[in-house]
């Protein structure tokens, strides 16, 4: 009996040892599965965080691009308004320059006309001076003739009447 008891104890012990080994292996398997699951969860969470970070960064870049584009569109609109205003000013200046050119042309024609009139007047004055000199000369000749006639008349008056 004592052997039987030892065998039973030994069987019990070996059953317990087998159970412990099985339990150990199941526990190890469970721990490995939990660790692998935790590792997979951490890796997936890291990937998700990375994706979210990249998506947020891309969204921020996209928003900055949209804002920049909107600012450029607004600046372009303002520049177009400024260009239109400048084109209007240029048109006004062109019409003013055209009017000034016309006035200059009129003044030029008037100056030519005045020069022509001055030339005519100058010619007339020159002719008038010549005519006055001729008249003066003729008056002098007539005065000389008159003087001679007076002398002749005086001689005739002084002469005895016969």
N, C-alpha and C. Protein backbone atom coordinates (compact mmCIF):
# COMPACT_ATOMS: atom_id res chain seq x y z
N UNK A 1 0.77 -1.15 0.00
CA UNK A 1 0.00 0.00 0.00
C UNK A 1 0.83 1.24 0.00
N UNK A 2 1.77 1.10 0.56
CA UNK A 2 2.57 2.29 0.60
C UNK A 2 3.07 2.63 -0.78
N UNK A 3 3.19 1.65 -1.58
CA UNK A 3 3.61 1.95 -2.94
C UNK A 3 2.48 2.50 -3.75
N UNK A 4 1.43 1.95 -3.46
CA UNK A 4 0.27 2.46 -4.12
C UNK A 4 0.04 3.90 -3.75
N UNK A 5 0.21 4.19 -2.56
CA UNK A 5 0.02 5.56 -2.08
C UNK A 5 1.08 6.43 -2.73
N UNK A 6 2.27 5.89 -2.80
CA UNK A 6 3.36 6.68 -3.41
C UNK A 6 3.04 6.85 -4.89
N UNK A 7 2.52 5.79 -5.47
CA UNK A 7 2.20 5.91 -6.89
C UNK A 7 1.05 6.87 -7.09
N UNK A 8 0.12 6.76 -6.22
CA UNK A 8 -1.00 7.69 -6.35
C UNK A 8 -0.52 9.10 -6.14
N UNK A 9 0.32 9.22 -5.14
CA UNK A 9 0.88 10.55 -4.88
C UNK A 9 1.68 10.98 -6.08
N UNK A 10 2.39 10.09 -6.59
CA UNK A 10 3.22 10.39 -7.74
C UNK A 10 2.33 10.69 -8.94
N UNK A 11 1.26 9.96 -9.12
CA UNK A 11 0.32 10.24 -10.21
C UNK A 11 -0.37 11.58 -9.98
N UNK A 12 -0.72 11.77 -8.73
CA UNK A 12 -1.36 13.04 -8.41
C UNK A 12 -0.38 14.16 -8.65
N UNK A 13 0.81 13.88 -8.23
CA UNK A 13 1.86 14.89 -8.38
C UNK A 13 2.12 15.11 -9.86
N UNK A 14 2.19 14.07 -10.61
CA UNK A 14 2.45 14.21 -12.03
C UNK A 14 1.23 14.84 -12.71
N UNK A 15 0.02 14.53 -12.25
CA UNK A 15 -1.16 15.19 -12.80
C UNK A 15 -1.11 16.68 -12.45
N UNK A 16 -0.73 16.93 -11.26
CA UNK A 16 -0.62 18.34 -10.86
C UNK A 16 0.47 19.02 -11.66
N UNK A 17 1.57 18.35 -11.84
CA UNK A 17 2.67 18.93 -12.60
C UNK A 17 2.24 19.13 -14.03
N UNK A 18 1.50 18.16 -14.60
CA UNK A 18 1.02 18.30 -15.96
C UNK A 18 0.04 19.46 -16.04
N UNK A 19 -0.85 19.53 -15.07
CA UNK A 19 -1.81 20.62 -15.04
C UNK A 19 -1.08 21.96 -14.91
N UNK A 20 -0.04 21.98 -14.04
CA UNK A 20 0.73 23.20 -13.87
C UNK A 20 1.41 23.58 -15.18
N UNK A 21 1.98 22.59 -15.86
CA UNK A 21 2.65 22.85 -17.12
C UNK A 21 1.64 23.36 -18.14
N UNK A 22 0.48 22.69 -18.20
CA UNK A 22 -0.54 23.11 -19.15
C UNK A 22 -1.01 24.53 -18.80
N UNK A 23 -1.24 24.74 -17.50
CA UNK A 23 -1.67 26.04 -17.04
C UNK A 23 -0.61 27.09 -17.36
N UNK A 24 0.65 26.71 -17.15
CA UNK A 24 1.76 27.61 -17.46
C UNK A 24 1.78 27.93 -18.95
N UNK A 25 1.60 26.91 -19.77
CA UNK A 25 1.63 27.13 -21.21
C UNK A 25 0.43 27.98 -21.66
N UNK A 26 -0.74 27.69 -21.11
CA UNK A 26 -1.94 28.48 -21.45
C UNK A 26 -1.73 29.93 -21.00
N UNK A 27 -1.21 30.08 -19.79
CA UNK A 27 -0.94 31.42 -19.27
C UNK A 27 0.10 32.14 -20.13
N UNK A 28 1.15 31.43 -20.51
CA UNK A 28 2.18 32.00 -21.39
C UNK A 28 1.57 32.37 -22.73
N UNK A 29 0.75 31.48 -23.28
CA UNK A 29 0.08 31.76 -24.55
C UNK A 29 -0.82 32.98 -24.42
N UNK A 30 -1.56 33.02 -23.30
CA UNK A 30 -2.44 34.16 -23.07
C UNK A 30 -1.63 35.45 -22.95
N UNK A 31 -0.53 35.40 -22.20
CA UNK A 31 0.33 36.58 -22.03
C UNK A 31 0.91 37.00 -23.39
N UNK A 32 1.34 36.00 -24.18
CA UNK A 32 1.90 36.32 -25.50
C UNK A 32 0.82 36.95 -26.37
N UNK A 33 -0.39 36.39 -26.36
CA UNK A 33 -1.49 36.94 -27.15
C UNK A 33 -1.80 38.35 -26.67
N UNK A 34 -1.84 38.56 -25.36
CA UNK A 34 -2.10 39.89 -24.80
C UNK A 34 -1.00 40.86 -25.21
N UNK A 35 0.27 40.41 -25.10
CA UNK A 35 1.39 41.28 -25.47
C UNK A 35 1.36 41.59 -26.97
N UNK A 36 1.09 40.56 -27.79
CA UNK A 36 1.02 40.79 -29.24
C UNK A 36 -0.16 41.73 -29.54
N UNK A 37 -1.28 41.50 -28.87
CA UNK A 37 -2.45 42.37 -29.06
C UNK A 37 -2.11 43.81 -28.63
N UNK A 38 -1.45 43.94 -27.48
CA UNK A 38 -1.05 45.27 -26.99
C UNK A 38 -0.10 45.91 -27.99
N UNK A 39 0.86 45.12 -28.47
CA UNK A 39 1.83 45.65 -29.44
C UNK A 39 1.10 46.09 -30.71
N UNK A 40 0.18 45.23 -31.22
CA UNK A 40 -0.58 45.58 -32.41
C UNK A 40 -1.43 46.83 -32.16
N UNK A 41 -2.05 46.91 -30.97
CA UNK A 41 -2.85 48.08 -30.63
C UNK A 41 -1.99 49.34 -30.61
N UNK A 42 -0.81 49.23 -29.98
CA UNK A 42 0.10 50.39 -29.90
C UNK A 42 0.56 50.80 -31.30
N UNK A 43 0.92 49.81 -32.14
CA UNK A 43 1.36 50.11 -33.50
C UNK A 43 0.22 50.75 -34.28
N UNK A 44 -0.98 50.17 -34.19
CA UNK A 44 -2.13 50.74 -34.90
C UNK A 44 -2.43 52.13 -34.39
N UNK A 45 -2.39 52.33 -33.08
CA UNK A 45 -2.65 53.66 -32.50
C UNK A 45 -1.59 54.65 -32.98
N UNK A 46 -0.34 54.21 -33.05
CA UNK A 46 0.73 55.08 -33.57
C UNK A 46 0.50 55.43 -35.03
N UNK A 47 0.10 54.42 -35.81
CA UNK A 47 -0.18 54.67 -37.23
C UNK A 47 -1.35 55.63 -37.36
N UNK A 48 -2.40 55.41 -36.57
CA UNK A 48 -3.55 56.31 -36.61
C UNK A 48 -3.16 57.73 -36.20
N UNK A 49 -2.35 57.84 -35.15
CA UNK A 49 -1.88 59.17 -34.72
C UNK A 49 -1.05 59.82 -35.82
N UNK A 50 -0.18 59.03 -36.45
CA UNK A 50 0.64 59.55 -37.55
C UNK A 50 -0.23 60.02 -38.70
N UNK A 51 -1.22 59.20 -39.06
CA UNK A 51 -2.15 59.57 -40.13
C UNK A 51 -2.88 60.87 -39.77
N UNK A 52 -3.36 60.92 -38.55
CA UNK A 52 -4.10 62.11 -38.10
C UNK A 52 -3.19 63.35 -38.14
N UNK A 53 -1.95 63.19 -37.70
CA UNK A 53 -1.00 64.30 -37.72
C UNK A 53 -0.75 64.74 -39.16
N UNK A 54 -0.52 63.76 -40.03
CA UNK A 54 -0.26 64.09 -41.45
C UNK A 54 -1.50 64.73 -42.07
N UNK A 55 -2.69 64.17 -41.77
CA UNK A 55 -3.92 64.76 -42.29
C UNK A 55 -4.11 66.19 -41.80
N UNK A 56 -3.86 66.41 -40.50
CA UNK A 56 -3.97 67.77 -39.95
C UNK A 56 -2.97 68.71 -40.60
N UNK A 57 -1.74 68.22 -40.80
CA UNK A 57 -0.71 69.06 -41.43
C UNK A 57 -1.11 69.38 -42.87
N UNK A 58 -1.59 68.37 -43.60
CA UNK A 58 -2.04 68.61 -44.98
C UNK A 58 -3.22 69.58 -45.01
N UNK A 59 -4.14 69.41 -44.08
CA UNK A 59 -5.29 70.31 -44.00
C UNK A 59 -4.83 71.74 -43.71
N UNK A 60 -3.87 71.87 -42.78
CA UNK A 60 -3.35 73.20 -42.46
C UNK A 60 -2.67 73.82 -43.68
N UNK A 61 -1.88 73.03 -44.38
CA UNK A 61 -1.22 73.53 -45.59
C UNK A 61 -2.27 73.91 -46.63
N UNK A 62 -3.28 73.07 -46.78
CA UNK A 62 -4.34 73.34 -47.73
C UNK A 62 -5.08 74.62 -47.36
N UNK A 63 -5.37 74.79 -46.07
CA UNK A 63 -6.06 76.01 -45.62
C UNK A 63 -5.20 77.24 -45.86
N UNK A 64 -3.90 77.14 -45.58
CA UNK A 64 -3.00 78.26 -45.85
C UNK A 64 -2.98 78.58 -47.34
N UNK A 65 -2.99 77.51 -48.16
CA UNK A 65 -3.02 77.71 -49.61
C UNK A 65 -4.30 78.40 -50.05
N UNK A 66 -5.43 77.97 -49.49
CA UNK A 66 -6.71 78.59 -49.82
C UNK A 66 -6.73 80.04 -49.37
N UNK A 67 -6.24 80.30 -48.15
CA UNK A 67 -6.19 81.67 -47.64
C UNK A 67 -5.28 82.52 -48.50
N UNK A 68 -4.13 81.97 -48.87
CA UNK A 68 -3.20 82.70 -49.73
C UNK A 68 -3.84 82.97 -51.08
N UNK A 69 -4.51 81.97 -51.62
CA UNK A 69 -5.17 82.14 -52.91
C UNK A 69 -6.26 83.21 -52.79
N UNK A 70 -7.01 83.19 -51.69
CA UNK A 70 -8.06 84.19 -51.50
C UNK A 70 -7.45 85.59 -51.40
N UNK A 71 -6.34 85.72 -50.65
CA UNK A 71 -5.66 87.02 -50.55
C UNK A 71 -5.18 87.47 -51.92
N UNK A 72 -4.63 86.53 -52.70
CA UNK A 72 -4.15 86.87 -54.04
C UNK A 72 -5.30 87.30 -54.94
N UNK A 73 -6.43 86.62 -54.82
CA UNK A 73 -7.61 87.00 -55.61
C UNK A 73 -8.07 88.41 -55.22
N UNK A 74 -8.08 88.69 -53.91
CA UNK A 74 -8.48 90.02 -53.45
C UNK A 74 -7.49 91.08 -53.93
N UNK A 75 -6.20 90.77 -53.81
CA UNK A 75 -5.18 91.72 -54.27
C UNK A 75 -5.29 91.93 -55.78
N UNK A 76 -5.56 90.86 -56.50
CA UNK A 76 -5.72 90.95 -57.96
C UNK A 76 -6.92 91.84 -58.30
N UNK A 77 -8.02 91.68 -57.56
CA UNK A 77 -9.20 92.51 -57.79
C UNK A 77 -8.88 93.98 -57.52
N UNK A 78 -8.16 94.24 -56.42
CA UNK A 78 -7.78 95.62 -56.10
C UNK A 78 -6.86 96.18 -57.18
N UNK A 79 -5.91 95.37 -57.63
CA UNK A 79 -5.01 95.84 -58.69
C UNK A 79 -5.78 96.10 -59.98
N UNK A 80 -6.75 95.25 -60.29
CA UNK A 80 -7.55 95.47 -61.49
C UNK A 80 -8.34 96.78 -61.39
N UNK A 81 -8.86 97.07 -60.18
CA UNK A 81 -9.57 98.34 -59.98
C UNK A 81 -8.60 99.51 -60.16
N UNK A 82 -7.40 99.38 -59.58
CA UNK A 82 -6.39 100.44 -59.73
C UNK A 82 -6.01 100.62 -61.19
N UNK A 83 -5.86 99.52 -61.91
CA UNK A 83 -5.50 99.59 -63.33
C UNK A 83 -6.62 100.27 -64.12
N UNK A 84 -7.88 99.91 -63.81
CA UNK A 84 -9.00 100.54 -64.50
C UNK A 84 -9.01 102.04 -64.22
N UNK A 85 -8.77 102.43 -62.96
CA UNK A 85 -8.73 103.85 -62.61
C UNK A 85 -7.60 104.55 -63.36
N UNK A 86 -6.44 103.89 -63.41
CA UNK A 86 -5.31 104.47 -64.13
C UNK A 86 -5.60 104.57 -65.62
N UNK A 87 -6.25 103.56 -66.19
CA UNK A 87 -6.62 103.62 -67.60
C UNK A 87 -7.59 104.78 -67.86
N UNK A 88 -8.51 104.99 -66.92
CA UNK A 88 -9.41 106.14 -67.04
C UNK A 88 -8.65 107.45 -66.99
N UNK A 89 -7.70 107.54 -66.04
CA UNK A 89 -6.87 108.74 -65.94
C UNK A 89 -6.05 108.93 -67.21
N UNK A 90 -5.51 107.84 -67.74
CA UNK A 90 -4.71 107.93 -68.97
C UNK A 90 -5.59 108.42 -70.12
N UNK A 91 -6.82 107.92 -70.20
CA UNK A 91 -7.74 108.37 -71.24
C UNK A 91 -8.02 109.87 -71.12
N UNK A 92 -8.24 110.32 -69.87
CA UNK A 92 -8.47 111.75 -69.64
C UNK A 92 -7.25 112.56 -70.04
N UNK A 93 -6.08 112.06 -69.65
CA UNK A 93 -4.84 112.77 -70.00
C UNK A 93 -4.65 112.81 -71.51
N UNK A 94 -4.97 111.72 -72.19
CA UNK A 94 -4.85 111.70 -73.65
C UNK A 94 -5.76 112.74 -74.28
N UNK A 95 -7.00 112.81 -73.79
CA UNK A 95 -7.92 113.81 -74.36
C UNK A 95 -7.44 115.22 -74.04
N UNK A 96 -6.90 115.43 -72.84
CA UNK A 96 -6.35 116.74 -72.50
C UNK A 96 -5.15 117.07 -73.38
N UNK A 97 -4.31 116.08 -73.63
CA UNK A 97 -3.14 116.30 -74.49
C UNK A 97 -3.59 116.61 -75.90
N UNK A 98 -4.61 115.91 -76.37
CA UNK A 98 -5.15 116.18 -77.71
C UNK A 98 -5.68 117.61 -77.77
N UNK A 99 -6.42 118.02 -76.73
CA UNK A 99 -6.95 119.39 -76.70
C UNK A 99 -5.79 120.40 -76.67
N UNK A 100 -4.77 120.11 -75.88
CA UNK A 100 -3.61 121.00 -75.82
C UNK A 100 -2.90 121.07 -77.17
N UNK A 101 -2.76 119.92 -77.84
CA UNK A 101 -2.14 119.91 -79.17
C UNK A 101 -2.95 120.76 -80.15
N UNK A 102 -4.28 120.66 -80.06
CA UNK A 102 -5.13 121.47 -80.93
C UNK A 102 -4.95 122.95 -80.63
N UNK A 103 -4.89 123.29 -79.32
CA UNK A 103 -4.67 124.69 -78.94
C UNK A 103 -3.30 125.17 -79.42
N UNK A 104 -2.29 124.32 -79.29
CA UNK A 104 -0.95 124.68 -79.76
C UNK A 104 -0.97 124.92 -81.26
N UNK A 105 -1.69 124.06 -81.99
CA UNK A 105 -1.81 124.23 -83.43
C UNK A 105 -2.50 125.55 -83.76
N UNK A 106 -3.59 125.86 -83.03
CA UNK A 106 -4.28 127.13 -83.24
C UNK A 106 -3.35 128.31 -82.93
N UNK A 107 -2.63 128.23 -81.82
CA UNK A 107 -1.70 129.29 -81.47
C UNK A 107 -0.61 129.42 -82.53
N UNK A 108 -0.15 128.29 -83.04
CA UNK A 108 0.87 128.30 -84.08
C UNK A 108 0.34 129.01 -85.33
N UNK A 109 -0.91 128.69 -85.70
CA UNK A 109 -1.52 129.35 -86.85
C UNK A 109 -1.69 130.85 -86.59
N UNK A 110 -2.09 131.20 -85.37
CA UNK A 110 -2.25 132.61 -85.03
C UNK A 110 -0.91 133.33 -85.06
N UNK A 111 0.15 132.66 -84.56
CA UNK A 111 1.49 133.26 -84.59
C UNK A 111 1.92 133.47 -86.04
N UNK A 112 1.68 132.50 -86.90
CA UNK A 112 2.03 132.65 -88.32
C UNK A 112 1.26 133.82 -88.94
N UNK A 113 -0.03 133.89 -88.59
CA UNK A 113 -0.86 134.97 -89.10
C UNK A 113 -0.33 136.32 -88.61
N UNK A 114 0.03 136.37 -87.33
CA UNK A 114 0.58 137.62 -86.77
C UNK A 114 1.91 137.97 -87.44
N UNK A 115 2.75 136.96 -87.67
CA UNK A 115 4.02 137.22 -88.36
C UNK A 115 3.76 137.77 -89.76
N UNK A 116 2.80 137.17 -90.44
CA UNK A 116 2.45 137.63 -91.78
C UNK A 116 1.95 139.07 -91.72
N UNK A 117 1.08 139.35 -90.74
CA UNK A 117 0.56 140.71 -90.58
C UNK A 117 1.69 141.68 -90.26
N UNK A 118 2.60 141.26 -89.40
CA UNK A 118 3.74 142.11 -89.04
C UNK A 118 4.60 142.36 -90.27
N UNK A 119 4.80 141.32 -91.07
CA UNK A 119 5.58 141.50 -92.30
C UNK A 119 4.88 142.49 -93.24
N UNK A 120 3.56 142.35 -93.36
CA UNK A 120 2.80 143.27 -94.21
C UNK A 120 2.90 144.70 -93.67
N UNK A 121 2.72 144.82 -92.34
CA UNK A 121 2.81 146.14 -91.71
C UNK A 121 4.20 146.71 -91.89
N UNK A 122 5.19 145.84 -91.70
CA UNK A 122 6.58 146.29 -91.85
C UNK A 122 6.81 146.78 -93.28
N UNK A 123 6.29 146.02 -94.25
CA UNK A 123 6.42 146.43 -95.65
C UNK A 123 5.69 147.75 -95.86
N UNK A 124 4.49 147.85 -95.27
CA UNK A 124 3.71 149.08 -95.41
C UNK A 124 4.43 150.24 -94.77
N UNK A 125 5.00 150.02 -93.60
CA UNK A 125 5.74 151.08 -92.91
C UNK A 125 6.94 151.49 -93.75
N UNK A 126 7.63 150.49 -94.29
CA UNK A 126 8.80 150.77 -95.13
C UNK A 126 8.36 151.57 -96.35
N UNK A 127 7.28 151.13 -96.97
CA UNK A 127 6.74 151.85 -98.14
C UNK A 127 6.30 153.24 -97.74
N UNK A 128 5.68 153.34 -96.58
CA UNK A 128 5.20 154.64 -96.09
C UNK A 128 6.37 155.58 -95.86
N UNK A 129 7.44 155.06 -95.29
CA UNK A 129 8.63 155.88 -95.05
C UNK A 129 9.19 156.36 -96.40
N UNK A 130 9.22 155.46 -97.36
CA UNK A 130 9.72 155.83 -98.69
C UNK A 130 8.82 156.89 -99.32
N UNK A 131 7.51 156.65 -99.19
CA UNK A 131 6.56 157.61 -99.76
C UNK A 131 6.70 158.96 -99.07
N UNK A 132 6.84 158.91 -97.72
CA UNK A 132 7.02 160.16 -96.99
C UNK A 132 8.29 160.88 -97.43
N UNK A 133 9.34 160.10 -97.64
CA UNK A 133 10.59 160.71 -98.11
C UNK A 133 10.37 161.32 -99.48
N UNK A 134 9.66 160.61 -100.37
CA UNK A 134 9.39 161.14 -101.70
C UNK A 134 8.53 162.40 -101.62
N UNK A 135 7.49 162.33 -100.75
CA UNK A 135 6.62 163.50 -100.58
C UNK A 135 7.43 164.66 -100.01
N UNK A 136 8.27 164.33 -99.04
CA UNK A 136 9.13 165.37 -98.46
C UNK A 136 10.02 165.98 -99.52
N UNK A 137 10.55 165.14 -100.38
CA UNK A 137 11.42 165.62 -101.46
C UNK A 137 10.63 166.49 -102.42
N UNK A 138 9.40 166.06 -102.78
CA UNK A 138 8.58 166.84 -103.71
C UNK A 138 8.16 168.15 -103.07
N UNK A 139 7.82 168.09 -101.77
CA UNK A 139 7.45 169.32 -101.07
C UNK A 139 8.65 170.26 -101.07
N UNK A 140 9.82 169.70 -100.87
CA UNK A 140 11.05 170.52 -100.90
C UNK A 140 11.23 171.14 -102.29
N UNK A 141 11.00 170.30 -103.31
CA UNK A 141 11.12 170.80 -104.68
C UNK A 141 10.10 171.92 -104.93
N UNK A 142 8.85 171.68 -104.47
CA UNK A 142 7.81 172.69 -104.63
C UNK A 142 8.15 173.95 -103.84
N UNK A 143 8.70 173.76 -102.65
CA UNK A 143 9.08 174.90 -101.82
C UNK A 143 10.19 175.69 -102.52
N UNK A 144 11.14 174.95 -103.11
CA UNK A 144 12.22 175.62 -103.85
C UNK A 144 11.64 176.36 -105.05
N UNK A 145 10.72 175.70 -105.76
CA UNK A 145 10.08 176.34 -106.91
C UNK A 145 9.30 177.57 -106.47
N UNK A 146 8.61 177.47 -105.33
CA UNK A 146 7.86 178.58 -104.78
C UNK A 146 8.79 179.72 -104.41
N UNK A 147 9.91 179.40 -103.88
CA UNK A 147 10.91 180.41 -103.52
C UNK A 147 11.39 181.13 -104.79
N UNK A 148 11.63 180.37 -105.81
CA UNK A 148 12.08 180.97 -107.07
C UNK A 148 11.00 181.85 -107.66
N UNK A 149 9.73 181.35 -107.54
CA UNK A 149 8.63 182.16 -108.04
C UNK A 149 8.50 183.45 -107.24
N UNK A 150 8.72 183.46 -105.98
CA UNK A 150 8.66 184.64 -105.14
C UNK A 150 9.74 185.61 -105.57
N UNK A 151 10.91 185.04 -105.80
CA UNK A 151 12.02 185.91 -106.24
C UNK A 151 11.65 186.54 -107.58
N UNK A 152 11.11 185.68 -108.44
CA UNK A 152 10.73 186.21 -109.77
C UNK A 152 9.62 187.23 -109.62
N UNK A 153 8.67 186.99 -108.76
CA UNK A 153 7.57 187.91 -108.53
C UNK A 153 8.10 189.21 -107.93
N UNK A 154 9.00 189.10 -107.03
CA UNK A 154 9.60 190.29 -106.41
C UNK A 154 10.36 191.08 -107.48
N UNK A 155 11.03 190.36 -108.33
CA UNK A 155 11.78 191.05 -109.40
C UNK A 155 10.79 191.73 -110.31
N UNK A 156 9.69 191.08 -110.63
CA UNK A 156 8.70 191.67 -111.50
C UNK A 156 8.03 192.84 -110.79
N UNK A 157 7.80 192.78 -109.56
CA UNK A 157 7.16 193.84 -108.82
C UNK A 157 8.11 195.04 -108.70
N UNK A 158 9.30 194.83 -108.59
CA UNK A 158 10.28 195.87 -108.45
C UNK A 158 10.59 196.50 -109.82
N UNK A 159 10.38 195.82 -110.80
CA UNK A 159 10.69 196.35 -112.14
C UNK A 159 9.69 197.45 -112.50
N UNK A 160 10.14 198.46 -113.24
CA UNK A 160 9.27 199.57 -113.62
C UNK A 160 8.18 199.06 -114.57
N UNK A 161 7.16 199.61 -114.41
CA UNK A 161 6.06 199.19 -115.25
C UNK A 161 6.16 199.97 -116.55
N UNK A 162 6.09 199.51 -117.49
CA UNK A 162 6.17 200.15 -118.78
C UNK A 162 4.93 200.03 -119.43
